[in-house]
Amino acid sequence: MQHITGVKLYHDHYPTEQYYPFNLTVLRKTSRLTFRKSMVFFVGENGSGKSTLLEAITRKCGVHIWHRSKRHVAHHNPYETRLVDFIDIDWADDENRVPGSLFRAETFREFADFLDDVALCDPGRLKYQGGELLNTLSHGEAMLSYFSGRYDFRGVYFLDEPEAALSPASQVKFLQLLQEVVARGQAQFIIATHSPILLAYPDAQIFSFDDTEIKEVAYEETNHYQIYRDFLSHRDAYLSN
């Protein structure tokens, strides 16, 4: 199911060329992304802009972003969250937009505290997080439990590096869970990731941020796949340098 069919970037109207994210060549050279699949991945090096664009799309869709308070303001960037003002979203059905959510690995533990507090007051909420209190589980187990309950509903789901606390075996389980959810025909996923395991999702659309503009690439063309492949094939050569 495709709920979002594309994103337009109005790079000619960016307010600055000096500050992140508007100083990124990849965002200055990209005008449009077209989504043709229910499973879309953003992949790229740290700082490439993939998570920033993911968050901007999330905001443009009207999805609430749960976050903790920032404690450090020494490096405050007034442009950090303004990319949302320079993009538009194409919906498959503009009059019947679906709800959605954003998952971020970096804030999941605090978010899990909040969900558990709510579930203690209203045990019926447990079904939306896999049937268990998340903080009674390991970090990775809690994430899988949350995923199993949260994505059983019609919507568009944004995930930022969901593999962060998942072992390789748990990543495979999550990949299988994504296949089951998508097969029901109600959900669309847009995921920023570094995981070659998740990127192996069959027939997914993969957008690479590792060039001068965002480009759709095949799984085997991603830098992440090639680095893992080469490292595992020539480990001794890598470690001897």
C-alpha atoms as a PDB file:
ATOM      1  CA  MET A   1       0.000   0.000   0.000  1.00  0.00           C
ATOM      2  CA  GLN A   2       1.373   3.380  -1.027  1.00  0.00           C
ATOM      3  CA  HIS A   3       0.049   6.265   1.016  1.00  0.00           C
ATOM      4  CA  ILE A   4       2.822   8.707   0.080  1.00  0.00           C
ATOM      5  CA  THR A   5       3.829   8.746  -3.579  1.00  0.00           C
ATOM      6  CA  GLY A   6       6.517  11.399  -3.564  1.00  0.00           C
ATOM      7  CA  VAL A   7       8.380  14.303  -1.992  1.00  0.00           C
ATOM      8  CA  LYS A   8       9.267  17.623  -3.627  1.00  0.00           C
ATOM      9  CA  LEU A   9      12.266  19.632  -2.402  1.00  0.00           C
ATOM     10  CA  TYR A  10      12.247  23.349  -3.141  1.00  0.00           C
ATOM     11  CA  HIS A  11      16.002  23.804  -2.964  1.00  0.00           C
ATOM     12  CA  ASP A  12      15.879  27.082  -4.909  1.00  0.00           C
ATOM     13  CA  HIS A  13      14.181  28.661  -1.898  1.00  0.00           C
ATOM     14  CA  TYR A  14      16.466  27.411   0.884  1.00  0.00           C
ATOM     15  CA  PRO A  15      17.148  30.214   3.389  1.00  0.00           C
ATOM     16  CA  THR A  16      20.918  29.651   3.691  1.00  0.00           C
ATOM     17  CA  GLU A  17      23.837  27.795   2.151  1.00  0.00           C
ATOM     18  CA  GLN A  18      26.010  27.908   5.261  1.00  0.00           C
ATOM     19  CA  TYR A  19      24.136  25.891   7.856  1.00  0.00           C
ATOM     20  CA  TYR A  20      23.016  22.279   8.101  1.00  0.00           C
ATOM     21  CA  PRO A  21      20.962  20.844   6.466  1.00  0.00           C
ATOM     22  CA  PHE A  22      20.792  23.475   3.729  1.00  0.00           C
ATOM     23  CA  ASN A  23      24.543  23.255   3.130  1.00  0.00           C
ATOM     24  CA  LEU A  24      24.316  19.619   2.029  1.00  0.00           C
ATOM     25  CA  THR A  25      24.975  19.208  -1.683  1.00  0.00           C
ATOM     26  CA  VAL A  26      22.737  16.142  -1.835  1.00  0.00           C
ATOM     27  CA  LEU A  27      19.740  18.208  -0.662  1.00  0.00           C
ATOM     28  CA  ARG A  28      20.648  21.164  -2.860  1.00  0.00           C
ATOM     29  CA  LYS A  29      20.789  18.990  -5.997  1.00  0.00           C
ATOM     30  CA  THR A  30      17.654  16.885  -5.428  1.00  0.00           C
ATOM     31  CA  SER A  31      14.275  18.174  -6.600  1.00  0.00           C
ATOM     32  CA  ARG A  32      12.016  15.153  -6.173  1.00  0.00           C
ATOM     33  CA  LEU A  33      11.748  11.617  -4.863  1.00  0.00           C
ATOM     34  CA  THR A  34       9.095   9.305  -6.302  1.00  0.00           C
ATOM     35  CA  PHE A  35       7.913   6.424  -4.134  1.00  0.00           C
ATOM     36  CA  ARG A  36       6.662   3.330  -5.956  1.00  0.00           C
ATOM     37  CA  LYS A  37       6.809   0.794  -3.136  1.00  0.00           C
ATOM     38  CA  SER A  38       5.380   0.097   0.298  1.00  0.00           C
ATOM     39  CA  MET A  39       8.932  -0.291   1.614  1.00  0.00           C
ATOM     40  CA  VAL A  40      11.296   2.637   1.097  1.00  0.00           C
ATOM     41  CA  PHE A  41      14.805   2.937   2.543  1.00  0.00           C
ATOM     42  CA  PHE A  42      17.081   5.944   2.948  1.00  0.00           C
ATOM     43  CA  VAL A  43      20.738   4.930   3.208  1.00  0.00           C
ATOM     44  CA  GLY A  44      23.899   6.987   3.504  1.00  0.00           C
ATOM     45  CA  GLU A  45      26.864   7.886   5.658  1.00  0.00           C
ATOM     46  CA  ASN A  46      26.503   9.685   8.984  1.00  0.00           C
ATOM     47  CA  GLY A  47      25.678  13.323   8.343  1.00  0.00           C
ATOM     48  CA  SER A  48      24.440  12.678   4.812  1.00  0.00           C
ATOM     49  CA  GLY A  49      20.975  14.105   5.568  1.00  0.00           C
ATOM     50  CA  LYS A  50      18.884  10.943   5.432  1.00  0.00           C
ATOM     51  CA  SER A  51      17.521  11.208   8.989  1.00  0.00           C
ATOM     52  CA  THR A  52      16.972  14.941   8.605  1.00  0.00           C
ATOM     53  CA  LEU A  53      14.886  14.466   5.457  1.00  0.00           C
ATOM     54  CA  LEU A  54      13.007  11.602   7.122  1.00  0.00           C
ATOM     55  CA  GLU A  55      12.101  13.875  10.026  1.00  0.00           C
ATOM     56  CA  ALA A  56      11.095  16.709   7.688  1.00  0.00           C
ATOM     57  CA  ILE A  57       8.745  14.373   5.786  1.00  0.00           C
ATOM     58  CA  THR A  58       7.328  13.190   9.112  1.00  0.00           C
ATOM     59  CA  ARG A  59       6.638  16.750  10.220  1.00  0.00           C
ATOM     60  CA  LYS A  60       5.091  17.654   6.854  1.00  0.00           C
ATOM     61  CA  CYS A  61       2.692  14.718   7.244  1.00  0.00           C
ATOM     62  CA  GLY A  62       1.502  16.172  10.545  1.00  0.00           C
ATOM     63  CA  VAL A  63       2.906  13.305  12.602  1.00  0.00           C
ATOM     64  CA  HIS A  64       3.756  14.175  16.205  1.00  0.00           C
ATOM     65  CA  ILE A  65       7.446  13.713  17.006  1.00  0.00           C
ATOM     66  CA  TRP A  66       8.121  12.581  20.550  1.00  0.00           C
ATOM     67  CA  HIS A  67      11.470  13.846  21.790  1.00  0.00           C
ATOM     68  CA  ARG A  68      13.306  14.577  24.992  1.00  0.00           C
ATOM     69  CA  SER A  69      14.398  18.059  25.985  1.00  0.00           C
ATOM     70  CA  LYS A  70      17.750  19.219  24.661  1.00  0.00           C
ATOM     71  CA  ARG A  71      20.231  20.039  27.424  1.00  0.00           C
ATOM     72  CA  HIS A  72      23.048  21.502  25.344  1.00  0.00           C
ATOM     73  CA  VAL A  73      22.552  24.764  23.476  1.00  0.00           C
ATOM     74  CA  ALA A  74      26.164  25.728  22.777  1.00  0.00           C
ATOM     75  CA  HIS A  75      25.858  24.546  19.186  1.00  0.00           C
ATOM     76  CA  HIS A  76      22.273  25.625  18.544  1.00  0.00           C
ATOM     77  CA  ASN A  77      21.424  25.699  14.846  1.00  0.00           C
ATOM     78  CA  PRO A  78      18.292  27.755  14.047  1.00  0.00           C
ATOM     79  CA  TYR A  79      17.943  25.983  10.687  1.00  0.00           C
ATOM     80  CA  GLU A  80      18.174  22.402  11.976  1.00  0.00           C
ATOM     81  CA  THR A  81      14.445  21.619  11.764  1.00  0.00           C
ATOM     82  CA  ARG A  82      13.431  24.016   8.995  1.00  0.00           C
ATOM     83  CA  LEU A  83      13.714  21.649   6.028  1.00  0.00           C
ATOM     84  CA  VAL A  84      10.020  20.892   6.520  1.00  0.00           C
ATOM     85  CA  ASP A  85       9.229  24.421   5.277  1.00  0.00           C
ATOM     86  CA  PHE A  86      10.791  23.678   1.887  1.00  0.00           C
ATOM     87  CA  ILE A  87       9.241  20.335   0.951  1.00  0.00           C
ATOM     88  CA  ASP A  88       5.819  19.093  -0.145  1.00  0.00           C
ATOM     89  CA  ILE A  89       4.294  15.621   0.094  1.00  0.00           C
ATOM     90  CA  ASP A  90       2.334  13.863  -2.651  1.00  0.00           C
ATOM     91  CA  TRP A  91      -0.409  11.668  -1.207  1.00  0.00           C
ATOM     92  CA  ALA A  92      -2.081   8.826  -3.072  1.00  0.00           C
ATOM     93  CA  ASP A  93      -5.399  10.051  -1.633  1.00  0.00           C
ATOM     94  CA  ASP A  94      -5.065  13.665  -0.560  1.00  0.00           C
ATOM     95  CA  GLU A  95      -8.551  13.781   0.964  1.00  0.00           C
ATOM     96  CA  ASN A  96      -8.101  10.672   3.098  1.00  0.00           C
ATOM     97  CA  ARG A  97      -4.607  10.923   4.536  1.00  0.00           C
ATOM     98  CA  VAL A  98      -3.637   8.131   6.882  1.00  0.00           C
ATOM     99  CA  PRO A  99      -2.139   8.556  10.349  1.00  0.00           C
ATOM    100  CA  GLY A 100       1.461   7.662  11.056  1.00  0.00           C
ATOM    101  CA  SER A 101       4.275   7.602  13.575  1.00  0.00           C
ATOM    102  CA  LEU A 102       8.013   8.143  13.873  1.00  0.00           C
ATOM    103  CA  PHE A 103      10.312   5.694  15.637  1.00  0.00           C
ATOM    104  CA  ARG A 104      13.780   6.873  16.631  1.00  0.00           C
ATOM    105  CA  ALA A 105      16.199   4.446  18.257  1.00  0.00           C
ATOM    106  CA  GLU A 106      17.983   7.251  20.102  1.00  0.00           C
ATOM    107  CA  THR A 107      14.893   8.196  22.130  1.00  0.00           C
ATOM    108  CA  PHE A 108      13.222   4.795  22.430  1.00  0.00           C
ATOM    109  CA  ARG A 109      14.198   4.091  26.046  1.00  0.00           C
ATOM    110  CA  GLU A 110      12.599   7.312  27.314  1.00  0.00           C
ATOM    111  CA  PHE A 111       9.602   6.753  25.026  1.00  0.00           C
ATOM    112  CA  ALA A 112       9.231   3.223  26.424  1.00  0.00           C
ATOM    113  CA  ASP A 113       9.116   4.685  29.962  1.00  0.00           C
ATOM    114  CA  PHE A 114       6.212   6.875  28.869  1.00  0.00           C
ATOM    115  CA  LEU A 115       4.363   3.990  27.172  1.00  0.00           C
ATOM    116  CA  ASP A 116       4.786   1.765  30.230  1.00  0.00           C
ATOM    117  CA  ASP A 117       3.452   4.505  32.529  1.00  0.00           C
ATOM    118  CA  VAL A 118       0.360   4.802  30.327  1.00  0.00           C
ATOM    119  CA  ALA A 119      -0.082   1.015  30.191  1.00  0.00           C
ATOM    120  CA  LEU A 120       0.087   0.732  33.989  1.00  0.00           C
ATOM    121  CA  CYS A 121      -2.889   3.096  34.180  1.00  0.00           C
ATOM    122  CA  ASP A 122      -4.679   1.511  31.215  1.00  0.00           C
ATOM    123  CA  PRO A 123      -3.619  -2.145  30.726  1.00  0.00           C
ATOM    124  CA  GLY A 124      -5.585  -2.301  27.485  1.00  0.00           C
ATOM    125  CA  ARG A 125      -2.829  -0.213  25.910  1.00  0.00           C
ATOM    126  CA  LEU A 126      -0.420  -3.144  26.193  1.00  0.00           C
ATOM    127  CA  LYS A 127      -1.744  -4.634  22.954  1.00  0.00           C
ATOM    128  CA  TYR A 128      -0.208  -1.703  21.087  1.00  0.00           C
ATOM    129  CA  GLN A 129       3.272  -2.575  22.346  1.00  0.00           C
ATOM    130  CA  GLY A 130       3.317  -6.330  21.946  1.00  0.00           C
ATOM    131  CA  GLY A 131       1.464  -7.219  25.154  1.00  0.00           C
ATOM    132  CA  GLU A 132       4.313  -6.547  27.609  1.00  0.00           C
ATOM    133  CA  LEU A 133       5.767  -3.741  29.665  1.00  0.00           C
ATOM    134  CA  LEU A 134       8.718  -2.692  27.564  1.00  0.00           C
ATOM    135  CA  ASN A 135      11.133  -1.950  30.399  1.00  0.00           C
ATOM    136  CA  THR A 136      10.833  -5.488  31.743  1.00  0.00           C
ATOM    137  CA  LEU A 137      12.638  -6.573  28.547  1.00  0.00           C
ATOM    138  CA  SER A 138      16.106  -5.998  27.159  1.00  0.00           C
ATOM    139  CA  HIS A 139      16.483  -2.991  24.883  1.00  0.00           C
ATOM    140  CA  GLY A 140      16.376  -5.106  21.715  1.00  0.00           C
ATOM    141  CA  GLU A 141      13.524  -7.302  22.954  1.00  0.00           C
ATOM    142  CA  ALA A 142      11.521  -4.219  23.918  1.00  0.00           C
ATOM    143  CA  MET A 143      11.950  -2.778  20.444  1.00  0.00           C
ATOM    144  CA  LEU A 144      10.738  -5.988  18.791  1.00  0.00           C
ATOM    145  CA  SER A 145       7.754  -6.136  21.154  1.00  0.00           C
ATOM    146  CA  TYR A 146       6.884  -2.530  20.330  1.00  0.00           C
ATOM    147  CA  PHE A 147       7.214  -3.148  16.594  1.00  0.00           C
ATOM    148  CA  SER A 148       4.985  -6.229  16.739  1.00  0.00           C
ATOM    149  CA  GLY A 149       2.115  -4.265  18.290  1.00  0.00           C
ATOM    150  CA  ARG A 150       2.498  -0.836  16.731  1.00  0.00           C
ATOM    151  CA  TYR A 151       2.552  -1.668  13.026  1.00  0.00           C
ATOM    152  CA  ASP A 152      -0.604  -3.747  12.881  1.00  0.00           C
ATOM    153  CA  PHE A 153      -2.637  -0.717  11.781  1.00  0.00           C
ATOM    154  CA  ARG A 154      -3.237   1.187   8.547  1.00  0.00           C
ATOM    155  CA  GLY A 155      -0.769   4.042   8.228  1.00  0.00           C
ATOM    156  CA  VAL A 156       2.584   5.393   7.095  1.00  0.00           C
ATOM    157  CA  TYR A 157       5.467   4.613   9.405  1.00  0.00           C
ATOM    158  CA  PHE A 158       8.786   6.424   9.620  1.00  0.00           C
ATOM    159  CA  LEU A 159      11.735   4.738  11.326  1.00  0.00           C
ATOM    160  CA  ASP A 160      15.173   6.185  12.010  1.00  0.00           C
ATOM    161  CA  GLU A 161      17.875   3.512  12.383  1.00  0.00           C
ATOM    162  CA  PRO A 162      15.635   0.878  14.034  1.00  0.00           C
ATOM    163  CA  GLU A 163      18.525  -1.610  13.957  1.00  0.00           C
ATOM    164  CA  ALA A 164      20.518   0.314  16.577  1.00  0.00           C
ATOM    165  CA  ALA A 165      19.847  -2.074  19.484  1.00  0.00           C
ATOM    166  CA  LEU A 166      19.014  -5.194  17.472  1.00  0.00           C
ATOM    167  CA  SER A 167      21.369  -8.146  17.123  1.00  0.00           C
ATOM    168  CA  PRO A 168      21.757  -9.617  13.625  1.00  0.00           C
ATOM    169  CA  ALA A 169      19.259 -12.367  14.550  1.00  0.00           C
ATOM    170  CA  SER A 170      16.779  -9.762  15.816  1.00  0.00           C
ATOM    171  CA  GLN A 171      17.237  -7.735  12.641  1.00  0.00           C
ATOM    172  CA  VAL A 172      16.226 -10.810  10.647  1.00  0.00           C
ATOM    173  CA  LYS A 173      13.141 -11.199  12.868  1.00  0.00           C
ATOM    174  CA  PHE A 174      12.291  -7.560  12.319  1.00  0.00           C
ATOM    175  CA  LEU A 175      12.753  -7.958   8.567  1.00  0.00           C
ATOM    176  CA  GLN A 176      10.312 -10.878   8.630  1.00  0.00           C
ATOM    177  CA  LEU A 177       7.867  -8.824  10.714  1.00  0.00           C
ATOM    178  CA  LEU A 178       8.018  -6.004   8.156  1.00  0.00           C
ATOM    179  CA  GLN A 179       7.217  -8.485   5.379  1.00  0.00           C
ATOM    180  CA  GLU A 180       4.200  -9.771   7.306  1.00  0.00           C
ATOM    181  CA  VAL A 181       2.882  -6.266   7.977  1.00  0.00           C
ATOM    182  CA  VAL A 182       3.336  -5.047   4.393  1.00  0.00           C
ATOM    183  CA  ALA A 183       1.658  -8.198   3.054  1.00  0.00           C
ATOM    184  CA  ARG A 184      -1.563  -7.141   4.804  1.00  0.00           C
ATOM    185  CA  GLY A 185      -1.719  -4.187   2.400  1.00  0.00           C
ATOM    186  CA  GLN A 186      -2.327  -1.389   4.895  1.00  0.00           C
ATOM    187  CA  ALA A 187       1.089   0.015   5.804  1.00  0.00           C
ATOM    188  CA  GLN A 188       3.864   1.941   4.095  1.00  0.00           C
ATOM    189  CA  PHE A 189       7.322   2.237   5.648  1.00  0.00           C
ATOM    190  CA  ILE A 190      10.029   4.837   5.075  1.00  0.00           C
ATOM    191  CA  ILE A 191      13.167   3.817   6.958  1.00  0.00           C
ATOM    192  CA  ALA A 192      16.587   5.420   7.392  1.00  0.00           C
ATOM    193  CA  THR A 193      19.092   2.654   8.088  1.00  0.00           C
ATOM    194  CA  HIS A 194      22.702   1.468   8.049  1.00  0.00           C
ATOM    195  CA  SER A 195      21.727  -2.218   8.147  1.00  0.00           C
ATOM    196  CA  PRO A 196      22.500  -4.427   5.113  1.00  0.00           C
ATOM    197  CA  ILE A 197      20.111  -6.962   6.646  1.00  0.00           C
ATOM    198  CA  LEU A 198      17.143  -4.583   6.560  1.00  0.00           C
ATOM    199  CA  LEU A 199      18.170  -3.254   3.152  1.00  0.00           C
ATOM    200  CA  ALA A 200      17.813  -6.822   1.845  1.00  0.00           C
ATOM    201  CA  TYR A 201      14.015  -6.514   2.074  1.00  0.00           C
ATOM    202  CA  PRO A 202      12.801  -8.034  -1.230  1.00  0.00           C
ATOM    203  CA  ASP A 203      11.922  -5.535  -3.947  1.00  0.00           C
ATOM    204  CA  ALA A 204      12.287  -2.492  -1.691  1.00  0.00           C
ATOM    205  CA  GLN A 205      13.042   0.973  -3.007  1.00  0.00           C
ATOM    206  CA  ILE A 206      16.430   2.216  -1.805  1.00  0.00           C
ATOM    207  CA  PHE A 207      17.510   5.850  -2.006  1.00  0.00           C
ATOM    208  CA  SER A 208      21.206   6.557  -1.482  1.00  0.00           C
ATOM    209  CA  PHE A 209      22.400   9.876  -0.039  1.00  0.00           C
ATOM    210  CA  ASP A 210      26.050   9.101  -0.846  1.00  0.00           C
ATOM    211  CA  ASP A 211      26.278  11.032  -4.130  1.00  0.00           C
ATOM    212  CA  THR A 212      25.799  14.635  -5.213  1.00  0.00           C
ATOM    213  CA  GLU A 213      22.042  14.021  -5.362  1.00  0.00           C
ATOM    214  CA  ILE A 214      19.719  11.429  -3.878  1.00  0.00           C
ATOM    215  CA  LYS A 215      19.623   8.434  -6.216  1.00  0.00           C
ATOM    216  CA  GLU A 216      17.614   5.244  -6.332  1.00  0.00           C
ATOM    217  CA  VAL A 217      19.989   2.271  -6.239  1.00  0.00           C
ATOM    218  CA  ALA A 218      19.889  -1.506  -6.180  1.00  0.00           C
ATOM    219  CA  TYR A 219      20.732  -3.354  -2.960  1.00  0.00           C
ATOM    220  CA  GLU A 220      24.104  -4.528  -4.281  1.00  0.00           C
ATOM    221  CA  GLU A 221      24.985  -0.953  -5.281  1.00  0.00           C
ATOM    222  CA  THR A 222      24.749   0.438  -1.750  1.00  0.00           C
ATOM    223  CA  ASN A 223      28.024   1.283  -0.049  1.00  0.00           C
ATOM    224  CA  HIS A 224      26.827  -0.536   3.051  1.00  0.00           C
ATOM    225  CA  TYR A 225      26.359  -3.836   1.235  1.00  0.00           C
ATOM    226  CA  GLN A 226      29.703  -3.509  -0.570  1.00  0.00           C
ATOM    227  CA  ILE A 227      31.642  -2.660   2.596  1.00  0.00           C
ATOM    228  CA  TYR A 228      30.199  -5.616   4.526  1.00  0.00           C
ATOM    229  CA  ARG A 229      30.749  -7.965   1.578  1.00  0.00           C
ATOM    230  CA  ASP A 230      34.340  -6.867   1.066  1.00  0.00           C
ATOM    231  CA  PHE A 231      35.157  -6.921   4.771  1.00  0.00           C
ATOM    232  CA  LEU A 232      33.808 -10.442   5.291  1.00  0.00           C
ATOM    233  CA  SER A 233      35.568 -11.689   2.148  1.00  0.00           C
ATOM    234  CA  HIS A 234      38.902 -10.001   2.879  1.00  0.00           C
ATOM    235  CA  ARG A 235      38.929  -9.516   6.637  1.00  0.00           C
ATOM    236  CA  ASP A 236      42.674 -10.074   7.078  1.00  0.00           C
ATOM    237  CA  ALA A 237      43.508  -7.442   4.483  1.00  0.00           C
ATOM    238  CA  TYR A 238      41.341  -4.857   6.256  1.00  0.00           C
ATOM    239  CA  LEU A 239      42.766  -5.602   9.686  1.00  0.00           C
ATOM    240  CA  SER A 240      46.400  -5.573   8.565  1.00  0.00           C
ATOM    241  CA  ASN A 241      46.225  -1.957   7.330  1.00  0.00           C
END
